[in-house]
Amino acid sequence: MLLQLSYTSARRRRAEVQSTDNGSLQATSPKVKTALSDEQRKFLESALRVNQAGELAATLIYTAQTPPIVKAHPHLRPLMKHMYDQEAGHFSTFNNLLAKHRIRPTAMYPVWQFAATALGWTTGIMGREAAMACTEAVETEIGEHYNTQVRVLLGWLEETEKKGEEVPEEMRELVEQIRKIRDEELEHLDHAVGEDAKEARPYELLTSVIRGGCRGAIWISERV
């Protein structure tokens, strides 16, 4: 369970030397384990909950956008499928992590389902440029969100190593998972810009509203 992750000291305590008739030494004492702080546990809970909600939204956006976009632009079918498949993989990853560590999903789950579907359908109907502007806006916010998580987690790892303690392999794996997912999200952003996201009308208004909605959803899902 993630909330019970512990850091194991890498420094062996000095062996207690006990003189005996035959000059043998006693074994070293067991390694000391230090639990995550309450603040760290709360951060990990909220981070994974938000990540799962965000990936749910991404899959629903692409599901709603794909039919009108592919109908009007058949050549985009492989790209839309590629991005959807990656988002579905991200969603599965965070579903598994929540189940494994017994973290509840956000209480706003039904609301985000409706909102994401509505956003995907609306931007899909507006056309290719609007759909890609939606992807650009969402991935910009999500990329920054994942970057923040990676920085915080790497800070923990560095602090732990400076204290001479062993970093749990599970924590290293989590950092690598989030890094990989972040990189794929930023790949989607690049695809969107390459497909004329900035030609959407009204580009500034559309992307500002979507980015603001993403920030609000992240803030709420961290707490509820």
C-alpha atoms as a PDB file:
ATOM      1  CA  MET A   1       0.000   0.000   0.000  1.00  0.00           C
ATOM      2  CA  LEU A   2       1.424   3.351  -1.098  1.00  0.00           C
ATOM      3  CA  LEU A   3       0.495   5.024   2.157  1.00  0.00           C
ATOM      4  CA  GLN A   4       2.582   2.460   3.936  1.00  0.00           C
ATOM      5  CA  LEU A   5       5.644   2.871   1.738  1.00  0.00           C
ATOM      6  CA  SER A   6       8.735   3.122   3.863  1.00  0.00           C
ATOM      7  CA  TYR A   7      12.252   4.264   3.359  1.00  0.00           C
ATOM      8  CA  THR A   8      14.880   1.734   4.427  1.00  0.00           C
ATOM      9  CA  SER A   9      18.139   3.060   5.788  1.00  0.00           C
ATOM     10  CA  ALA A  10      21.065   2.195   3.533  1.00  0.00           C
ATOM     11  CA  ARG A  11      23.585   2.845   6.240  1.00  0.00           C
ATOM     12  CA  ARG A  12      24.295  -0.111   8.365  1.00  0.00           C
ATOM     13  CA  ARG A  13      24.561   0.606  12.030  1.00  0.00           C
ATOM     14  CA  ARG A  14      27.991   0.096  13.402  1.00  0.00           C
ATOM     15  CA  ALA A  15      28.358  -3.529  14.356  1.00  0.00           C
ATOM     16  CA  GLU A  16      28.547  -3.995  18.058  1.00  0.00           C
ATOM     17  CA  VAL A  17      31.745  -5.785  18.803  1.00  0.00           C
ATOM     18  CA  GLN A  18      31.539  -8.203  21.636  1.00  0.00           C
ATOM     19  CA  SER A  19      34.662  -9.837  22.906  1.00  0.00           C
ATOM     20  CA  THR A  20      34.366 -13.528  23.243  1.00  0.00           C
ATOM     21  CA  ASP A  21      36.804 -16.263  24.013  1.00  0.00           C
ATOM     22  CA  ASN A  22      37.124 -17.140  20.317  1.00  0.00           C
ATOM     23  CA  GLY A  23      37.211 -13.485  19.045  1.00  0.00           C
ATOM     24  CA  SER A  24      33.963 -13.707  16.965  1.00  0.00           C
ATOM     25  CA  LEU A  25      31.810 -10.652  16.078  1.00  0.00           C
ATOM     26  CA  GLN A  26      28.042 -10.354  16.457  1.00  0.00           C
ATOM     27  CA  ALA A  27      25.955  -9.581  13.343  1.00  0.00           C
ATOM     28  CA  THR A  28      24.851  -6.019  12.556  1.00  0.00           C
ATOM     29  CA  SER A  29      21.485  -4.873  13.877  1.00  0.00           C
ATOM     30  CA  PRO A  30      18.457  -4.664  11.487  1.00  0.00           C
ATOM     31  CA  LYS A  31      18.055  -1.715   9.109  1.00  0.00           C
ATOM     32  CA  VAL A  32      15.929   1.151  10.362  1.00  0.00           C
ATOM     33  CA  LYS A  33      12.739   1.982   8.446  1.00  0.00           C
ATOM     34  CA  THR A  34      11.330   5.514   8.218  1.00  0.00           C
ATOM     35  CA  ALA A  35       7.686   5.967   7.148  1.00  0.00           C
ATOM     36  CA  LEU A  36       6.486   8.628   4.719  1.00  0.00           C
ATOM     37  CA  SER A  37       5.301  11.796   6.401  1.00  0.00           C
ATOM     38  CA  ASP A  38       1.598  12.672   6.530  1.00  0.00           C
ATOM     39  CA  GLU A  39       2.269  15.483   4.047  1.00  0.00           C
ATOM     40  CA  GLN A  40       3.918  13.092   1.586  1.00  0.00           C
ATOM     41  CA  ARG A  41       1.100  10.566   1.873  1.00  0.00           C
ATOM     42  CA  LYS A  42      -1.515  13.253   1.262  1.00  0.00           C
ATOM     43  CA  PHE A  43       0.390  14.543  -1.764  1.00  0.00           C
ATOM     44  CA  LEU A  44       0.597  11.089  -3.309  1.00  0.00           C
ATOM     45  CA  GLU A  45      -3.083  10.411  -2.665  1.00  0.00           C
ATOM     46  CA  SER A  46      -4.223  13.651  -4.301  1.00  0.00           C
ATOM     47  CA  ALA A  47      -1.715  13.366  -7.167  1.00  0.00           C
ATOM     48  CA  LEU A  48      -2.818   9.879  -8.195  1.00  0.00           C
ATOM     49  CA  ARG A  49      -6.493  10.778  -7.792  1.00  0.00           C
ATOM     50  CA  VAL A  50      -6.113  13.812 -10.073  1.00  0.00           C
ATOM     51  CA  ASN A  51      -4.070  11.858 -12.604  1.00  0.00           C
ATOM     52  CA  GLN A  52      -6.730   9.174 -12.880  1.00  0.00           C
ATOM     53  CA  ALA A  53      -9.483  11.780 -13.315  1.00  0.00           C
ATOM     54  CA  GLY A  54      -7.473  13.615 -15.961  1.00  0.00           C
ATOM     55  CA  GLU A  55      -6.833  10.495 -17.987  1.00  0.00           C
ATOM     56  CA  LEU A  56     -10.510   9.565 -17.766  1.00  0.00           C
ATOM     57  CA  ALA A  57     -11.348  12.970 -19.231  1.00  0.00           C
ATOM     58  CA  ALA A  58      -8.778  12.588 -22.002  1.00  0.00           C
ATOM     59  CA  THR A  59     -10.195   9.256 -23.169  1.00  0.00           C
ATOM     60  CA  LEU A  60     -13.722  10.682 -23.229  1.00  0.00           C
ATOM     61  CA  ILE A  61     -12.658  13.807 -25.129  1.00  0.00           C
ATOM     62  CA  TYR A  62     -11.046  11.736 -27.876  1.00  0.00           C
ATOM     63  CA  THR A  63     -13.981   9.316 -27.948  1.00  0.00           C
ATOM     64  CA  ALA A  64     -16.389  12.198 -28.584  1.00  0.00           C
ATOM     65  CA  GLN A  65     -14.131  14.061 -31.042  1.00  0.00           C
ATOM     66  CA  THR A  66     -13.150  11.141 -33.246  1.00  0.00           C
ATOM     67  CA  PRO A  67     -16.392  10.466 -35.203  1.00  0.00           C
ATOM     68  CA  PRO A  68     -16.913  14.006 -36.573  1.00  0.00           C
ATOM     69  CA  ILE A  69     -13.194  14.636 -37.094  1.00  0.00           C
ATOM     70  CA  VAL A  70     -12.526  11.369 -38.904  1.00  0.00           C
ATOM     71  CA  LYS A  71     -15.641  11.771 -41.012  1.00  0.00           C
ATOM     72  CA  ALA A  72     -14.455  15.177 -42.239  1.00  0.00           C
ATOM     73  CA  HIS A  73     -10.732  14.314 -42.297  1.00  0.00           C
ATOM     74  CA  PRO A  74     -10.215  10.559 -42.861  1.00  0.00           C
ATOM     75  CA  HIS A  75      -6.441  10.945 -42.889  1.00  0.00           C
ATOM     76  CA  LEU A  76      -6.573  11.804 -39.156  1.00  0.00           C
ATOM     77  CA  ARG A  77      -7.958   8.406 -38.148  1.00  0.00           C
ATOM     78  CA  PRO A  78      -4.506   6.910 -37.315  1.00  0.00           C
ATOM     79  CA  LEU A  79      -3.506   9.978 -35.288  1.00  0.00           C
ATOM     80  CA  MET A  80      -6.758  10.082 -33.319  1.00  0.00           C
ATOM     81  CA  LYS A  81      -6.479   6.354 -32.600  1.00  0.00           C
ATOM     82  CA  HIS A  82      -2.835   6.704 -31.565  1.00  0.00           C
ATOM     83  CA  MET A  83      -3.607   9.482 -29.094  1.00  0.00           C
ATOM     84  CA  TYR A  84      -6.675   7.703 -27.746  1.00  0.00           C
ATOM     85  CA  ASP A  85      -4.770   4.440 -27.268  1.00  0.00           C
ATOM     86  CA  GLN A  86      -2.045   6.188 -25.294  1.00  0.00           C
ATOM     87  CA  GLU A  87      -4.598   7.964 -23.098  1.00  0.00           C
ATOM     88  CA  ALA A  88      -6.401   4.666 -22.495  1.00  0.00           C
ATOM     89  CA  GLY A  89      -3.080   3.193 -21.393  1.00  0.00           C
ATOM     90  CA  HIS A  90      -2.505   6.093 -18.992  1.00  0.00           C
ATOM     91  CA  PHE A  91      -6.011   5.677 -17.599  1.00  0.00           C
ATOM     92  CA  SER A  92      -5.407   1.974 -17.013  1.00  0.00           C
ATOM     93  CA  THR A  93      -2.119   2.715 -15.242  1.00  0.00           C
ATOM     94  CA  PHE A  94      -3.720   5.090 -12.761  1.00  0.00           C
ATOM     95  CA  ASN A  95      -6.758   2.845 -12.274  1.00  0.00           C
ATOM     96  CA  ASN A  96      -4.383   0.078 -11.244  1.00  0.00           C
ATOM     97  CA  LEU A  97      -2.425   2.365  -8.921  1.00  0.00           C
ATOM     98  CA  LEU A  98      -5.581   3.597  -7.194  1.00  0.00           C
ATOM     99  CA  ALA A  99      -6.810   0.040  -6.707  1.00  0.00           C
ATOM    100  CA  LYS A 100      -3.423  -1.204  -5.537  1.00  0.00           C
ATOM    101  CA  HIS A 101      -3.009   1.539  -2.942  1.00  0.00           C
ATOM    102  CA  ARG A 102      -6.685   1.816  -2.002  1.00  0.00           C
ATOM    103  CA  ILE A 103      -7.059   5.453  -2.971  1.00  0.00           C
ATOM    104  CA  ARG A 104     -10.601   6.585  -3.703  1.00  0.00           C
ATOM    105  CA  PRO A 105     -11.337   8.307  -7.031  1.00  0.00           C
ATOM    106  CA  THR A 106     -12.548  11.885  -6.987  1.00  0.00           C
ATOM    107  CA  ALA A 107     -16.155  12.375  -5.919  1.00  0.00           C
ATOM    108  CA  MET A 108     -16.525  14.551  -9.037  1.00  0.00           C
ATOM    109  CA  TYR A 109     -16.085  11.538 -11.327  1.00  0.00           C
ATOM    110  CA  PRO A 110     -19.613  11.723 -12.879  1.00  0.00           C
ATOM    111  CA  VAL A 111     -19.288  15.464 -13.432  1.00  0.00           C
ATOM    112  CA  TRP A 112     -15.944  15.107 -15.202  1.00  0.00           C
ATOM    113  CA  GLN A 113     -17.384  12.326 -17.360  1.00  0.00           C
ATOM    114  CA  PHE A 114     -20.149  14.617 -18.576  1.00  0.00           C
ATOM    115  CA  ALA A 115     -17.906  17.668 -18.960  1.00  0.00           C
ATOM    116  CA  ALA A 116     -15.212  15.823 -20.916  1.00  0.00           C
ATOM    117  CA  THR A 117     -17.724  14.244 -23.274  1.00  0.00           C
ATOM    118  CA  ALA A 118     -19.395  17.605 -23.869  1.00  0.00           C
ATOM    119  CA  LEU A 119     -16.044  19.302 -24.507  1.00  0.00           C
ATOM    120  CA  GLY A 120     -14.959  16.609 -26.936  1.00  0.00           C
ATOM    121  CA  TRP A 121     -18.249  16.638 -28.842  1.00  0.00           C
ATOM    122  CA  THR A 122     -18.387  20.448 -29.035  1.00  0.00           C
ATOM    123  CA  THR A 123     -14.826  20.916 -30.271  1.00  0.00           C
ATOM    124  CA  GLY A 124     -15.208  17.989 -32.660  1.00  0.00           C
ATOM    125  CA  ILE A 125     -18.265  19.576 -34.239  1.00  0.00           C
ATOM    126  CA  MET A 126     -16.417  22.904 -34.465  1.00  0.00           C
ATOM    127  CA  GLY A 127     -13.852  21.252 -36.723  1.00  0.00           C
ATOM    128  CA  ARG A 128     -10.288  19.956 -36.922  1.00  0.00           C
ATOM    129  CA  GLU A 129      -8.605  23.154 -35.762  1.00  0.00           C
ATOM    130  CA  ALA A 130     -10.852  23.513 -32.708  1.00  0.00           C
ATOM    131  CA  ALA A 131     -10.378  19.859 -31.768  1.00  0.00           C
ATOM    132  CA  MET A 132      -6.623  20.261 -32.004  1.00  0.00           C
ATOM    133  CA  ALA A 133      -6.752  23.525 -30.045  1.00  0.00           C
ATOM    134  CA  CYS A 134      -8.582  21.588 -27.336  1.00  0.00           C
ATOM    135  CA  THR A 135      -5.790  19.006 -27.281  1.00  0.00           C
ATOM    136  CA  GLU A 136      -3.161  21.743 -27.166  1.00  0.00           C
ATOM    137  CA  ALA A 137      -4.861  23.475 -24.239  1.00  0.00           C
ATOM    138  CA  VAL A 138      -5.470  20.306 -22.240  1.00  0.00           C
ATOM    139  CA  GLU A 139      -1.991  18.905 -22.795  1.00  0.00           C
ATOM    140  CA  THR A 140      -0.349  22.217 -21.890  1.00  0.00           C
ATOM    141  CA  GLU A 141      -2.004  22.124 -18.475  1.00  0.00           C
ATOM    142  CA  ILE A 142      -1.514  18.404 -17.969  1.00  0.00           C
ATOM    143  CA  GLY A 143       2.138  18.606 -18.996  1.00  0.00           C
ATOM    144  CA  GLU A 144       2.755  21.320 -16.400  1.00  0.00           C
ATOM    145  CA  HIS A 145       0.834  19.307 -13.813  1.00  0.00           C
ATOM    146  CA  TYR A 146       2.951  16.191 -14.387  1.00  0.00           C
ATOM    147  CA  ASN A 147       6.140  18.259 -14.395  1.00  0.00           C
ATOM    148  CA  THR A 148       5.261  19.552 -10.933  1.00  0.00           C
ATOM    149  CA  GLN A 149       4.715  16.023  -9.664  1.00  0.00           C
ATOM    150  CA  VAL A 150       8.018  14.821 -11.094  1.00  0.00           C
ATOM    151  CA  ARG A 151       9.885  17.730  -9.485  1.00  0.00           C
ATOM    152  CA  VAL A 152       8.339  17.031  -6.081  1.00  0.00           C
ATOM    153  CA  LEU A 153       9.039  13.298  -6.239  1.00  0.00           C
ATOM    154  CA  LEU A 154      12.614  13.811  -7.417  1.00  0.00           C
ATOM    155  CA  GLY A 155      13.091  16.227  -4.528  1.00  0.00           C
ATOM    156  CA  TRP A 156      12.007  13.520  -2.117  1.00  0.00           C
ATOM    157  CA  LEU A 157      14.380  11.001  -3.684  1.00  0.00           C
ATOM    158  CA  GLU A 158      17.299  13.425  -3.532  1.00  0.00           C
ATOM    159  CA  GLU A 159      16.595  14.265   0.097  1.00  0.00           C
ATOM    160  CA  THR A 160      16.357  10.590   0.988  1.00  0.00           C
ATOM    161  CA  GLU A 161      19.650   9.769  -0.719  1.00  0.00           C
ATOM    162  CA  LYS A 162      21.385  12.699   0.981  1.00  0.00           C
ATOM    163  CA  LYS A 163      20.375  11.237   4.317  1.00  0.00           C
ATOM    164  CA  GLY A 164      22.009   7.982   3.291  1.00  0.00           C
ATOM    165  CA  GLU A 165      18.716   6.132   3.105  1.00  0.00           C
ATOM    166  CA  GLU A 166      17.630   3.680   0.443  1.00  0.00           C
ATOM    167  CA  VAL A 167      14.924   4.834  -1.982  1.00  0.00           C
ATOM    168  CA  PRO A 168      12.154   2.235  -2.419  1.00  0.00           C
ATOM    169  CA  GLU A 169      12.105   0.760  -5.909  1.00  0.00           C
ATOM    170  CA  GLU A 170       8.352   1.361  -6.048  1.00  0.00           C
ATOM    171  CA  MET A 171       8.914   5.093  -5.711  1.00  0.00           C
ATOM    172  CA  ARG A 172      11.500   5.118  -8.500  1.00  0.00           C
ATOM    173  CA  GLU A 173       9.075   3.224 -10.716  1.00  0.00           C
ATOM    174  CA  LEU A 174       6.325   5.764 -10.019  1.00  0.00           C
ATOM    175  CA  VAL A 175       8.591   8.635 -11.068  1.00  0.00           C
ATOM    176  CA  GLU A 176       9.449   6.846 -14.310  1.00  0.00           C
ATOM    177  CA  GLN A 177       5.791   6.077 -15.009  1.00  0.00           C
ATOM    178  CA  ILE A 178       4.787   9.713 -14.599  1.00  0.00           C
ATOM    179  CA  ARG A 179       7.731  10.877 -16.713  1.00  0.00           C
ATOM    180  CA  LYS A 180       6.748   8.527 -19.529  1.00  0.00           C
ATOM    181  CA  ILE A 181       3.113   9.593 -19.403  1.00  0.00           C
ATOM    182  CA  ARG A 182       4.110  13.271 -19.340  1.00  0.00           C
ATOM    183  CA  ASP A 183       6.281  12.816 -22.420  1.00  0.00           C
ATOM    184  CA  GLU A 184       3.435  11.156 -24.304  1.00  0.00           C
ATOM    185  CA  GLU A 185       1.066  13.972 -23.333  1.00  0.00           C
ATOM    186  CA  LEU A 186       3.540  16.519 -24.678  1.00  0.00           C
ATOM    187  CA  GLU A 187       3.805  14.467 -27.857  1.00  0.00           C
ATOM    188  CA  HIS A 188       0.040  14.956 -28.277  1.00  0.00           C
ATOM    189  CA  LEU A 189       0.532  18.685 -27.849  1.00  0.00           C
ATOM    190  CA  ASP A 190       3.086  18.673 -30.667  1.00  0.00           C
ATOM    191  CA  HIS A 191       0.718  16.710 -32.900  1.00  0.00           C
ATOM    192  CA  ALA A 192      -2.055  19.212 -32.218  1.00  0.00           C
ATOM    193  CA  VAL A 193       0.080  22.210 -33.084  1.00  0.00           C
ATOM    194  CA  GLY A 194       1.213  20.423 -36.238  1.00  0.00           C
ATOM    195  CA  GLU A 195      -2.438  19.958 -37.216  1.00  0.00           C
ATOM    196  CA  ASP A 196      -3.142  23.712 -37.113  1.00  0.00           C
ATOM    197  CA  ALA A 197      -4.438  24.060 -33.560  1.00  0.00           C
ATOM    198  CA  LYS A 198      -3.496  27.729 -33.611  1.00  0.00           C
ATOM    199  CA  GLU A 199      -5.730  28.322 -36.630  1.00  0.00           C
ATOM    200  CA  ALA A 200      -8.850  27.649 -34.557  1.00  0.00           C
ATOM    201  CA  ARG A 201     -11.292  30.509 -34.237  1.00  0.00           C
ATOM    202  CA  PRO A 202     -11.553  31.977 -31.670  1.00  0.00           C
ATOM    203  CA  TYR A 203      -8.208  30.445 -30.649  1.00  0.00           C
ATOM    204  CA  GLU A 204      -7.358  32.630 -27.643  1.00  0.00           C
ATOM    205  CA  LEU A 205     -10.824  32.461 -26.129  1.00  0.00           C
ATOM    206  CA  LEU A 206     -11.196  28.733 -26.738  1.00  0.00           C
ATOM    207  CA  THR A 207      -7.839  27.712 -25.296  1.00  0.00           C
ATOM    208  CA  SER A 208      -8.119  30.120 -22.351  1.00  0.00           C
ATOM    209  CA  VAL A 209     -11.492  28.699 -21.343  1.00  0.00           C
ATOM    210  CA  ILE A 210     -10.300  25.107 -21.676  1.00  0.00           C
ATOM    211  CA  ARG A 211      -7.087  25.728 -19.759  1.00  0.00           C
ATOM    212  CA  GLY A 212      -8.998  27.492 -17.010  1.00  0.00           C
ATOM    213  CA  GLY A 213     -11.404  24.575 -16.817  1.00  0.00           C
ATOM    214  CA  CYS A 214      -8.498  22.132 -16.527  1.00  0.00           C
ATOM    215  CA  ARG A 215      -6.923  24.111 -13.698  1.00  0.00           C
ATOM    216  CA  GLY A 216     -10.235  24.235 -11.886  1.00  0.00           C
ATOM    217  CA  ALA A 217     -10.817  20.501 -12.317  1.00  0.00           C
ATOM    218  CA  ILE A 218      -7.321  19.737 -11.005  1.00  0.00           C
ATOM    219  CA  TRP A 219      -7.831  21.969  -7.963  1.00  0.00           C
ATOM    220  CA  ILE A 220     -11.195  20.387  -7.130  1.00  0.00           C
ATOM    221  CA  SER A 221     -10.072  16.791  -7.710  1.00  0.00           C
ATOM    222  CA  GLU A 222      -7.106  17.279  -5.402  1.00  0.00           C
ATOM    223  CA  ARG A 223      -9.510  18.069  -2.578  1.00  0.00           C
ATOM    224  CA  VAL A 224     -12.733  16.181  -3.267  1.00  0.00           C
END
